């Protein structure tokens, strides 16, 4: 299969790699990219020689989140019939048309990736913003460069956070509230200390380290890896993770409904400019500190 937003390769025996390939827009995700990732995972899943999949990215930053430069009237053209029952209603006006878009393309895909029956390793550098977290959090392991940072600033858009709301599990409930309320970033070292990130390495060592880790994982039998992953995910669900994601998604849609009512759009129109200004200011402060 040919791809336009990603690359798919086999860097070593038993290992597949999916690389986000839109560095010119800091790997902002449009619907085409998301469904290409899903198609590549399906390809890796069907290949019995693949035991481990790495998710990597070109460029300075892993992902700047959703590509906000879209036309709502053409959103439906980006959809496949992968999960037909969720996409029914796409293209209708207001929240009735927007909810199935996010149910399938965001929460639906993230849940599928979390439950993908082979280990996923995220190879992360630079900034991971909002929906960028929706790509790394479904992964089983995260290897980050020392300069990596993680933030979800979209409360500024008038919603509760990005759509795959596992923040309390990834950040802890109080830290999650702080980072959501402020839009501030968590650096790689703190992410490692709280258990969100498995390993931190220098950027020039990131690819080799991640590949070596994938090779180590791939020495285990595929069925054992699958059962171990299913067992840990079952423990997360015993804690209520999937039900909590569904509840938070409903609140997220309430935020969109409020925005549709007040502004005629899916979000508070002042939000993106506020977030961009904060990120630019914080980046400038870091440069001065160096």
C-alpha atoms as a PDB file:
ATOM      1  CA  UNK A   1       0.000   0.000   0.000  1.00  0.00           C
ATOM      2  CA  UNK A   2       1.245   3.509  -0.796  1.00  0.00           C
ATOM      3  CA  UNK A   3       1.093   6.292   1.784  1.00  0.00           C
ATOM      4  CA  UNK A   4       1.263  10.085   1.498  1.00  0.00           C
ATOM      5  CA  UNK A   5       1.486  11.197   5.150  1.00  0.00           C
ATOM      6  CA  UNK A   6       3.592   8.400   6.630  1.00  0.00           C
ATOM      7  CA  UNK A   7       6.302   5.919   5.687  1.00  0.00           C
ATOM      8  CA  UNK A   8       6.227   2.222   6.452  1.00  0.00           C
ATOM      9  CA  UNK A   9       9.419   0.193   6.527  1.00  0.00           C
ATOM     10  CA  UNK A  10      11.040  -2.865   8.068  1.00  0.00           C
ATOM     11  CA  UNK A  11      14.270  -1.628   9.734  1.00  0.00           C
ATOM     12  CA  UNK A  12      15.160  -5.039  11.193  1.00  0.00           C
ATOM     13  CA  UNK A  13      13.937  -8.613  11.393  1.00  0.00           C
ATOM     14  CA  UNK A  14      10.571  -8.907  13.189  1.00  0.00           C
ATOM     15  CA  UNK A  15      10.240  -5.104  13.431  1.00  0.00           C
ATOM     16  CA  UNK A  16       8.077  -2.679  11.457  1.00  0.00           C
ATOM     17  CA  UNK A  17       8.295   1.100  11.671  1.00  0.00           C
ATOM     18  CA  UNK A  18       5.695   3.754  10.932  1.00  0.00           C
ATOM     19  CA  UNK A  19       7.110   7.272  10.504  1.00  0.00           C
ATOM     20  CA  UNK A  20       5.033  10.451  10.498  1.00  0.00           C
ATOM     21  CA  UNK A  21       6.207  12.311   7.391  1.00  0.00           C
ATOM     22  CA  UNK A  22       4.823  15.859   7.515  1.00  0.00           C
ATOM     23  CA  UNK A  23       7.771  17.684   9.109  1.00  0.00           C
ATOM     24  CA  UNK A  24       6.920  20.887   7.236  1.00  0.00           C
ATOM     25  CA  UNK A  25       3.843  21.239   9.494  1.00  0.00           C
ATOM     26  CA  UNK A  26       5.482  19.604  12.528  1.00  0.00           C
ATOM     27  CA  UNK A  27       3.574  16.403  11.773  1.00  0.00           C
ATOM     28  CA  UNK A  28       0.179  17.953  12.380  1.00  0.00           C
ATOM     29  CA  UNK A  29      -2.436  15.242  11.946  1.00  0.00           C
ATOM     30  CA  UNK A  30      -5.099  15.425   9.314  1.00  0.00           C
ATOM     31  CA  UNK A  31      -7.600  12.618   8.848  1.00  0.00           C
ATOM     32  CA  UNK A  32      -5.564  11.137   6.022  1.00  0.00           C
ATOM     33  CA  UNK A  33      -2.568  10.704   8.324  1.00  0.00           C
ATOM     34  CA  UNK A  34      -4.631   9.059  11.055  1.00  0.00           C
ATOM     35  CA  UNK A  35      -6.180   6.521   8.714  1.00  0.00           C
ATOM     36  CA  UNK A  36      -2.824   5.845   7.076  1.00  0.00           C
ATOM     37  CA  UNK A  37      -1.376   5.039  10.511  1.00  0.00           C
ATOM     38  CA  UNK A  38      -4.285   2.680  11.077  1.00  0.00           C
ATOM     39  CA  UNK A  39      -3.796   1.054   7.675  1.00  0.00           C
ATOM     40  CA  UNK A  40      -0.072   0.596   8.348  1.00  0.00           C
ATOM     41  CA  UNK A  41      -0.826  -1.020  11.697  1.00  0.00           C
ATOM     42  CA  UNK A  42      -3.258  -3.344   9.958  1.00  0.00           C
ATOM     43  CA  UNK A  43      -0.486  -4.214   7.498  1.00  0.00           C
ATOM     44  CA  UNK A  44       1.915  -4.934  10.373  1.00  0.00           C
ATOM     45  CA  UNK A  45      -0.737  -6.904  12.213  1.00  0.00           C
ATOM     46  CA  UNK A  46      -1.319  -9.201   9.257  1.00  0.00           C
ATOM     47  CA  UNK A  47       2.402  -9.811   8.759  1.00  0.00           C
ATOM     48  CA  UNK A  48       3.250 -12.793  10.965  1.00  0.00           C
ATOM     49  CA  UNK A  49       6.948 -11.925  10.732  1.00  0.00           C
ATOM     50  CA  UNK A  50       6.354  -8.621  12.563  1.00  0.00           C
ATOM     51  CA  UNK A  51       6.489  -8.851  16.346  1.00  0.00           C
ATOM     52  CA  UNK A  52       7.025  -5.184  17.282  1.00  0.00           C
ATOM     53  CA  UNK A  53       6.029  -1.857  15.699  1.00  0.00           C
ATOM     54  CA  UNK A  54       7.854   1.447  16.221  1.00  0.00           C
ATOM     55  CA  UNK A  55       5.995   4.749  15.759  1.00  0.00           C
ATOM     56  CA  UNK A  56       8.475   7.508  14.861  1.00  0.00           C
ATOM     57  CA  UNK A  57       8.383  10.955  13.251  1.00  0.00           C
ATOM     58  CA  UNK A  58      10.443  13.063  10.878  1.00  0.00           C
ATOM     59  CA  UNK A  59      11.606  16.543  11.760  1.00  0.00           C
ATOM     60  CA  UNK A  60      12.155  18.652  14.844  1.00  0.00           C
ATOM     61  CA  UNK A  61       8.919  17.775  16.643  1.00  0.00           C
ATOM     62  CA  UNK A  62       7.034  14.515  16.970  1.00  0.00           C
ATOM     63  CA  UNK A  63       3.611  16.108  16.455  1.00  0.00           C
ATOM     64  CA  UNK A  64       1.985  19.501  16.884  1.00  0.00           C
ATOM     65  CA  UNK A  65      -1.423  17.846  17.280  1.00  0.00           C
ATOM     66  CA  UNK A  66      -4.504  18.147  15.101  1.00  0.00           C
ATOM     67  CA  UNK A  67      -4.183  19.990  11.814  1.00  0.00           C
ATOM     68  CA  UNK A  68      -6.684  22.768  12.476  1.00  0.00           C
ATOM     69  CA  UNK A  69      -6.666  23.947   8.861  1.00  0.00           C
ATOM     70  CA  UNK A  70      -9.576  21.867   7.605  1.00  0.00           C
ATOM     71  CA  UNK A  71     -12.911  22.337   5.856  1.00  0.00           C
ATOM     72  CA  UNK A  72     -15.729  20.765   7.860  1.00  0.00           C
ATOM     73  CA  UNK A  73     -17.816  20.281   4.733  1.00  0.00           C
ATOM     74  CA  UNK A  74     -15.206  17.929   3.275  1.00  0.00           C
ATOM     75  CA  UNK A  75     -14.349  16.023   6.459  1.00  0.00           C
ATOM     76  CA  UNK A  76     -16.534  13.099   5.442  1.00  0.00           C
ATOM     77  CA  UNK A  77     -14.415  12.602   2.307  1.00  0.00           C
ATOM     78  CA  UNK A  78     -11.465  11.623   4.514  1.00  0.00           C
ATOM     79  CA  UNK A  79     -13.334   8.745   6.093  1.00  0.00           C
ATOM     80  CA  UNK A  80     -13.248   5.076   5.341  1.00  0.00           C
ATOM     81  CA  UNK A  81     -15.971   2.616   6.315  1.00  0.00           C
ATOM     82  CA  UNK A  82     -13.700   0.941   8.887  1.00  0.00           C
ATOM     83  CA  UNK A  83     -16.204   1.496  11.701  1.00  0.00           C
ATOM     84  CA  UNK A  84     -19.429   2.174   9.837  1.00  0.00           C
ATOM     85  CA  UNK A  85     -21.704   2.336  12.860  1.00  0.00           C
ATOM     86  CA  UNK A  86     -19.635   5.168  14.350  1.00  0.00           C
ATOM     87  CA  UNK A  87     -19.415   7.273  11.192  1.00  0.00           C
ATOM     88  CA  UNK A  88     -23.156   7.330  10.506  1.00  0.00           C
ATOM     89  CA  UNK A  89     -24.175  10.992  10.577  1.00  0.00           C
ATOM     90  CA  UNK A  90     -20.857  12.381   9.377  1.00  0.00           C
ATOM     91  CA  UNK A  91     -21.458  15.511   7.327  1.00  0.00           C
ATOM     92  CA  UNK A  92     -24.665  16.524   9.098  1.00  0.00           C
ATOM     93  CA  UNK A  93     -24.728  20.052  10.557  1.00  0.00           C
ATOM     94  CA  UNK A  94     -23.697  20.903  14.104  1.00  0.00           C
ATOM     95  CA  UNK A  95     -22.658  18.495  16.808  1.00  0.00           C
ATOM     96  CA  UNK A  96     -24.748  15.726  15.215  1.00  0.00           C
ATOM     97  CA  UNK A  97     -22.236  15.582  12.379  1.00  0.00           C
ATOM     98  CA  UNK A  98     -19.105  16.355  14.372  1.00  0.00           C
ATOM     99  CA  UNK A  99     -19.509  13.780  17.147  1.00  0.00           C
ATOM    100  CA  UNK A 100     -19.229  10.715  14.862  1.00  0.00           C
ATOM    101  CA  UNK A 101     -16.133  12.239  13.240  1.00  0.00           C
ATOM    102  CA  UNK A 102     -14.317  12.397  16.568  1.00  0.00           C
ATOM    103  CA  UNK A 103     -15.780   9.110  17.775  1.00  0.00           C
ATOM    104  CA  UNK A 104     -14.204   7.263  14.871  1.00  0.00           C
ATOM    105  CA  UNK A 105     -11.082   9.237  13.923  1.00  0.00           C
ATOM    106  CA  UNK A 106      -9.907  10.047  17.430  1.00  0.00           C
ATOM    107  CA  UNK A 107     -11.246   7.900  20.266  1.00  0.00           C
ATOM    108  CA  UNK A 108     -12.074   4.941  18.041  1.00  0.00           C
ATOM    109  CA  UNK A 109      -8.629   4.752  16.456  1.00  0.00           C
ATOM    110  CA  UNK A 110      -6.809   5.351  19.752  1.00  0.00           C
ATOM    111  CA  UNK A 111      -8.677   2.508  21.392  1.00  0.00           C
ATOM    112  CA  UNK A 112      -7.928   0.229  18.451  1.00  0.00           C
ATOM    113  CA  UNK A 113      -4.239   1.111  18.700  1.00  0.00           C
ATOM    114  CA  UNK A 114      -4.142   0.571  22.458  1.00  0.00           C
ATOM    115  CA  UNK A 115      -5.539  -2.910  21.879  1.00  0.00           C
ATOM    116  CA  UNK A 116      -3.349  -3.659  18.832  1.00  0.00           C
ATOM    117  CA  UNK A 117      -2.149  -7.225  19.486  1.00  0.00           C
ATOM    118  CA  UNK A 118       1.570  -6.499  19.097  1.00  0.00           C
ATOM    119  CA  UNK A 119       3.825  -4.205  21.160  1.00  0.00           C
ATOM    120  CA  UNK A 120       3.965  -0.578  19.990  1.00  0.00           C
ATOM    121  CA  UNK A 121       6.966   1.581  20.870  1.00  0.00           C
ATOM    122  CA  UNK A 122       6.773   5.364  20.442  1.00  0.00           C
ATOM    123  CA  UNK A 123      10.034   7.072  19.430  1.00  0.00           C
ATOM    124  CA  UNK A 124       9.525  10.695  20.441  1.00  0.00           C
ATOM    125  CA  UNK A 125      11.525  13.874  19.924  1.00  0.00           C
ATOM    126  CA  UNK A 126      10.773  17.542  20.445  1.00  0.00           C
ATOM    127  CA  UNK A 127       7.284  18.735  21.177  1.00  0.00           C
ATOM    128  CA  UNK A 128       4.248  16.497  21.574  1.00  0.00           C
ATOM    129  CA  UNK A 129       1.222  18.765  21.713  1.00  0.00           C
ATOM    130  CA  UNK A 130      -2.417  17.850  22.419  1.00  0.00           C
ATOM    131  CA  UNK A 131      -3.434  15.268  19.811  1.00  0.00           C
ATOM    132  CA  UNK A 132       0.228  14.316  19.516  1.00  0.00           C
ATOM    133  CA  UNK A 133      -0.335  12.657  22.877  1.00  0.00           C
ATOM    134  CA  UNK A 134      -3.138  10.660  21.281  1.00  0.00           C
ATOM    135  CA  UNK A 135      -0.515   8.969  19.125  1.00  0.00           C
ATOM    136  CA  UNK A 136       1.968   8.129  21.886  1.00  0.00           C
ATOM    137  CA  UNK A 137      -0.359   7.241  24.770  1.00  0.00           C
ATOM    138  CA  UNK A 138      -1.871   4.171  23.067  1.00  0.00           C
ATOM    139  CA  UNK A 139       1.687   2.843  22.663  1.00  0.00           C
ATOM    140  CA  UNK A 140       3.047   0.300  25.122  1.00  0.00           C
ATOM    141  CA  UNK A 141       6.488   1.858  25.568  1.00  0.00           C
ATOM    142  CA  UNK A 142       7.754   5.408  25.043  1.00  0.00           C
ATOM    143  CA  UNK A 143      11.370   6.340  24.333  1.00  0.00           C
ATOM    144  CA  UNK A 144      11.955  10.097  24.358  1.00  0.00           C
ATOM    145  CA  UNK A 145      14.785  12.403  23.432  1.00  0.00           C
ATOM    146  CA  UNK A 146      16.050  14.575  26.250  1.00  0.00           C
ATOM    147  CA  UNK A 147      14.479  17.656  24.666  1.00  0.00           C
ATOM    148  CA  UNK A 148      11.003  16.125  24.407  1.00  0.00           C
ATOM    149  CA  UNK A 149       8.048  17.844  26.056  1.00  0.00           C
ATOM    150  CA  UNK A 150       4.395  16.928  26.438  1.00  0.00           C
ATOM    151  CA  UNK A 151       1.412  19.266  26.744  1.00  0.00           C
ATOM    152  CA  UNK A 152      -2.335  19.406  26.249  1.00  0.00           C
ATOM    153  CA  UNK A 153      -3.351  23.084  26.128  1.00  0.00           C
ATOM    154  CA  UNK A 154      -6.762  22.705  24.489  1.00  0.00           C
ATOM    155  CA  UNK A 155      -8.816  23.684  27.521  1.00  0.00           C
ATOM    156  CA  UNK A 156      -8.178  27.077  25.907  1.00  0.00           C
ATOM    157  CA  UNK A 157     -10.435  25.883  23.074  1.00  0.00           C
ATOM    158  CA  UNK A 158     -13.345  25.450  25.491  1.00  0.00           C
ATOM    159  CA  UNK A 159     -13.107  21.660  25.827  1.00  0.00           C
ATOM    160  CA  UNK A 160     -11.781  19.407  28.591  1.00  0.00           C
ATOM    161  CA  UNK A 161      -8.627  18.223  26.822  1.00  0.00           C
ATOM    162  CA  UNK A 162      -7.821  16.110  23.793  1.00  0.00           C
ATOM    163  CA  UNK A 163     -10.272  13.366  22.936  1.00  0.00           C
ATOM    164  CA  UNK A 164      -8.426  10.271  24.194  1.00  0.00           C
ATOM    165  CA  UNK A 165      -8.742  11.271  27.834  1.00  0.00           C
ATOM    166  CA  UNK A 166      -6.350   9.007  29.716  1.00  0.00           C
ATOM    167  CA  UNK A 167      -4.583  11.947  31.363  1.00  0.00           C
ATOM    168  CA  UNK A 168      -5.175  10.747  34.968  1.00  0.00           C
ATOM    169  CA  UNK A 169      -3.473   7.436  34.155  1.00  0.00           C
ATOM    170  CA  UNK A 170      -0.568   8.993  32.273  1.00  0.00           C
ATOM    171  CA  UNK A 171       0.059  12.042  34.489  1.00  0.00           C
ATOM    172  CA  UNK A 172      -1.682  11.265  37.773  1.00  0.00           C
ATOM    173  CA  UNK A 173      -4.892  13.058  38.669  1.00  0.00           C
ATOM    174  CA  UNK A 174      -3.504  16.204  40.331  1.00  0.00           C
ATOM    175  CA  UNK A 175      -0.730  16.773  37.810  1.00  0.00           C
ATOM    176  CA  UNK A 176      -3.245  16.180  35.033  1.00  0.00           C
ATOM    177  CA  UNK A 177      -5.459  18.930  36.433  1.00  0.00           C
ATOM    178  CA  UNK A 178      -2.548  21.352  36.691  1.00  0.00           C
ATOM    179  CA  UNK A 179      -1.353  20.733  33.134  1.00  0.00           C
ATOM    180  CA  UNK A 180      -4.883  20.921  31.730  1.00  0.00           C
ATOM    181  CA  UNK A 181      -5.742  24.086  33.665  1.00  0.00           C
ATOM    182  CA  UNK A 182      -2.515  25.898  32.708  1.00  0.00           C
ATOM    183  CA  UNK A 183      -1.592  24.404  29.347  1.00  0.00           C
ATOM    184  CA  UNK A 184       1.982  24.036  30.583  1.00  0.00           C
ATOM    185  CA  UNK A 185       4.316  21.323  29.329  1.00  0.00           C
ATOM    186  CA  UNK A 186       5.824  18.345  31.119  1.00  0.00           C
ATOM    187  CA  UNK A 187       9.465  17.779  30.236  1.00  0.00           C
ATOM    188  CA  UNK A 188      10.954  14.398  29.426  1.00  0.00           C
ATOM    189  CA  UNK A 189      12.649  13.924  32.790  1.00  0.00           C
ATOM    190  CA  UNK A 190       9.469  14.489  34.773  1.00  0.00           C
ATOM    191  CA  UNK A 191       7.589  12.226  32.363  1.00  0.00           C
ATOM    192  CA  UNK A 192      10.147   9.508  33.062  1.00  0.00           C
ATOM    193  CA  UNK A 193       9.933  10.020  36.822  1.00  0.00           C
ATOM    194  CA  UNK A 194       6.159   9.551  36.862  1.00  0.00           C
ATOM    195  CA  UNK A 195       6.337   6.490  34.601  1.00  0.00           C
ATOM    196  CA  UNK A 196       4.866   7.948  31.418  1.00  0.00           C
ATOM    197  CA  UNK A 197       8.190   7.637  29.565  1.00  0.00           C
ATOM    198  CA  UNK A 198      10.306   4.488  29.784  1.00  0.00           C
ATOM    199  CA  UNK A 199      13.668   5.832  28.633  1.00  0.00           C
ATOM    200  CA  UNK A 200      15.346   9.171  27.853  1.00  0.00           C
ATOM    201  CA  UNK A 201      18.270   9.388  25.438  1.00  0.00           C
ATOM    202  CA  UNK A 202      20.073  12.071  23.477  1.00  0.00           C
ATOM    203  CA  UNK A 203      18.359  12.941  20.219  1.00  0.00           C
ATOM    204  CA  UNK A 204      21.180  11.538  18.082  1.00  0.00           C
ATOM    205  CA  UNK A 205      20.862   8.209  19.921  1.00  0.00           C
ATOM    206  CA  UNK A 206      17.077   8.001  19.761  1.00  0.00           C
ATOM    207  CA  UNK A 207      16.633   5.887  16.645  1.00  0.00           C
ATOM    208  CA  UNK A 208      19.318   3.339  17.513  1.00  0.00           C
ATOM    209  CA  UNK A 209      18.204   3.003  21.139  1.00  0.00           C
ATOM    210  CA  UNK A 210      14.574   2.483  20.155  1.00  0.00           C
ATOM    211  CA  UNK A 211      15.509  -0.092  17.552  1.00  0.00           C
ATOM    212  CA  UNK A 212      17.665  -1.974  20.069  1.00  0.00           C
ATOM    213  CA  UNK A 213      14.773  -1.995  22.545  1.00  0.00           C
ATOM    214  CA  UNK A 214      12.445  -3.302  19.839  1.00  0.00           C
ATOM    215  CA  UNK A 215      14.938  -6.054  19.024  1.00  0.00           C
ATOM    216  CA  UNK A 216      15.024  -7.075  22.683  1.00  0.00           C
ATOM    217  CA  UNK A 217      11.224  -7.222  22.866  1.00  0.00           C
ATOM    218  CA  UNK A 218      11.131  -9.225  19.635  1.00  0.00           C
ATOM    219  CA  UNK A 219      13.148 -12.055  21.221  1.00  0.00           C
ATOM    220  CA  UNK A 220       9.982 -13.080  23.104  1.00  0.00           C
ATOM    221  CA  UNK A 221       7.327 -15.318  21.533  1.00  0.00           C
ATOM    222  CA  UNK A 222       4.592 -13.344  19.811  1.00  0.00           C
ATOM    223  CA  UNK A 223       1.744 -14.999  21.707  1.00  0.00           C
ATOM    224  CA  UNK A 224       3.401 -14.335  25.065  1.00  0.00           C
ATOM    225  CA  UNK A 225       3.777 -10.657  24.141  1.00  0.00           C
ATOM    226  CA  UNK A 226       0.123 -10.511  23.128  1.00  0.00           C
ATOM    227  CA  UNK A 227      -1.060 -12.106  26.375  1.00  0.00           C
ATOM    228  CA  UNK A 228       1.119  -9.819  28.504  1.00  0.00           C
ATOM    229  CA  UNK A 229      -0.245  -6.745  26.725  1.00  0.00           C
ATOM    230  CA  UNK A 230      -3.843  -7.930  27.057  1.00  0.00           C
ATOM    231  CA  UNK A 231      -3.329  -8.589  30.770  1.00  0.00           C
ATOM    232  CA  UNK A 232      -1.981  -5.116  31.518  1.00  0.00           C
ATOM    233  CA  UNK A 233      -4.752  -3.516  29.455  1.00  0.00           C
ATOM    234  CA  UNK A 234      -7.323  -5.602  31.340  1.00  0.00           C
ATOM    235  CA  UNK A 235      -5.954  -4.171  34.587  1.00  0.00           C
ATOM    236  CA  UNK A 236      -6.362  -0.639  33.203  1.00  0.00           C
ATOM    237  CA  UNK A 237      -9.949  -1.418  32.298  1.00  0.00           C
ATOM    238  CA  UNK A 238     -10.562  -2.907  35.753  1.00  0.00           C
ATOM    239  CA  UNK A 239      -9.589   0.551  37.005  1.00  0.00           C
ATOM    240  CA  UNK A 240     -12.251   1.996  34.691  1.00  0.00           C
ATOM    241  CA  UNK A 241     -10.039   3.502  31.997  1.00  0.00           C
ATOM    242  CA  UNK A 242     -12.207   2.775  28.962  1.00  0.00           C
ATOM    243  CA  UNK A 243     -15.413   3.852  30.716  1.00  0.00           C
ATOM    244  CA  UNK A 244     -13.691   7.050  31.869  1.00  0.00           C
ATOM    245  CA  UNK A 245     -12.587   7.797  28.300  1.00  0.00           C
ATOM    246  CA  UNK A 246     -16.183   7.391  27.113  1.00  0.00           C
ATOM    247  CA  UNK A 247     -17.469   9.737  29.812  1.00  0.00           C
ATOM    248  CA  UNK A 248     -14.807  12.346  29.085  1.00  0.00           C
ATOM    249  CA  UNK A 249     -15.603  12.106  25.374  1.00  0.00           C
ATOM    250  CA  UNK A 250     -19.224  13.017  26.147  1.00  0.00           C
ATOM    251  CA  UNK A 251     -18.016  16.074  28.087  1.00  0.00           C
ATOM    252  CA  UNK A 252     -15.726  16.933  25.173  1.00  0.00           C
ATOM    253  CA  UNK A 253     -18.738  16.931  22.850  1.00  0.00           C
ATOM    254  CA  UNK A 254     -20.569  19.190  25.287  1.00  0.00           C
ATOM    255  CA  UNK A 255     -17.699  21.648  24.894  1.00  0.00           C
ATOM    256  CA  UNK A 256     -18.066  21.487  21.114  1.00  0.00           C
ATOM    257  CA  UNK A 257     -21.845  21.897  21.367  1.00  0.00           C
ATOM    258  CA  UNK A 258     -21.366  25.013  23.480  1.00  0.00           C
ATOM    259  CA  UNK A 259     -18.905  26.383  20.919  1.00  0.00           C
ATOM    260  CA  UNK A 260     -21.295  25.646  18.041  1.00  0.00           C
ATOM    261  CA  UNK A 261     -24.030  27.495  19.929  1.00  0.00           C
ATOM    262  CA  UNK A 262     -21.907  30.507  20.896  1.00  0.00           C
ATOM    263  CA  UNK A 263     -19.484  30.835  17.982  1.00  0.00           C
ATOM    264  CA  UNK A 264     -20.860  28.723  15.136  1.00  0.00           C
ATOM    265  CA  UNK A 265     -17.657  26.652  15.166  1.00  0.00           C
ATOM    266  CA  UNK A 266     -16.244  23.594  16.951  1.00  0.00           C
ATOM    267  CA  UNK A 267     -14.125  25.597  19.407  1.00  0.00           C
ATOM    268  CA  UNK A 268     -13.647  28.976  21.023  1.00  0.00           C
ATOM    269  CA  UNK A 269     -12.046  30.952  18.170  1.00  0.00           C
ATOM    270  CA  UNK A 270      -9.683  32.729  20.576  1.00  0.00           C
ATOM    271  CA  UNK A 271      -8.169  29.447  21.767  1.00  0.00           C
ATOM    272  CA  UNK A 272      -5.682  28.629  18.982  1.00  0.00           C
ATOM    273  CA  UNK A 273      -4.103  32.098  19.030  1.00  0.00           C
ATOM    274  CA  UNK A 274      -3.762  31.975  22.825  1.00  0.00           C
ATOM    275  CA  UNK A 275      -2.064  28.582  22.715  1.00  0.00           C
ATOM    276  CA  UNK A 276       0.295  29.566  19.898  1.00  0.00           C
ATOM    277  CA  UNK A 277       1.319  32.732  21.745  1.00  0.00           C
ATOM    278  CA  UNK A 278       2.009  30.798  24.952  1.00  0.00           C
ATOM    279  CA  UNK A 279       4.068  28.169  23.154  1.00  0.00           C
ATOM    280  CA  UNK A 280       6.103  30.813  21.324  1.00  0.00           C
ATOM    281  CA  UNK A 281       6.752  32.689  24.567  1.00  0.00           C
ATOM    282  CA  UNK A 282       7.805  29.557  26.422  1.00  0.00           C
ATOM    283  CA  UNK A 283      10.077  28.510  23.546  1.00  0.00           C
ATOM    284  CA  UNK A 284      11.714  31.936  23.578  1.00  0.00           C
ATOM    285  CA  UNK A 285      12.250  31.718  27.338  1.00  0.00           C
ATOM    286  CA  UNK A 286      13.948  28.335  26.946  1.00  0.00           C
ATOM    287  CA  UNK A 287      16.247  29.722  24.265  1.00  0.00           C
ATOM    288  CA  UNK A 288      17.225  32.624  26.526  1.00  0.00           C
ATOM    289  CA  UNK A 289      17.892  30.231  29.400  1.00  0.00           C
ATOM    290  CA  UNK A 290      20.392  28.367  27.227  1.00  0.00           C
END
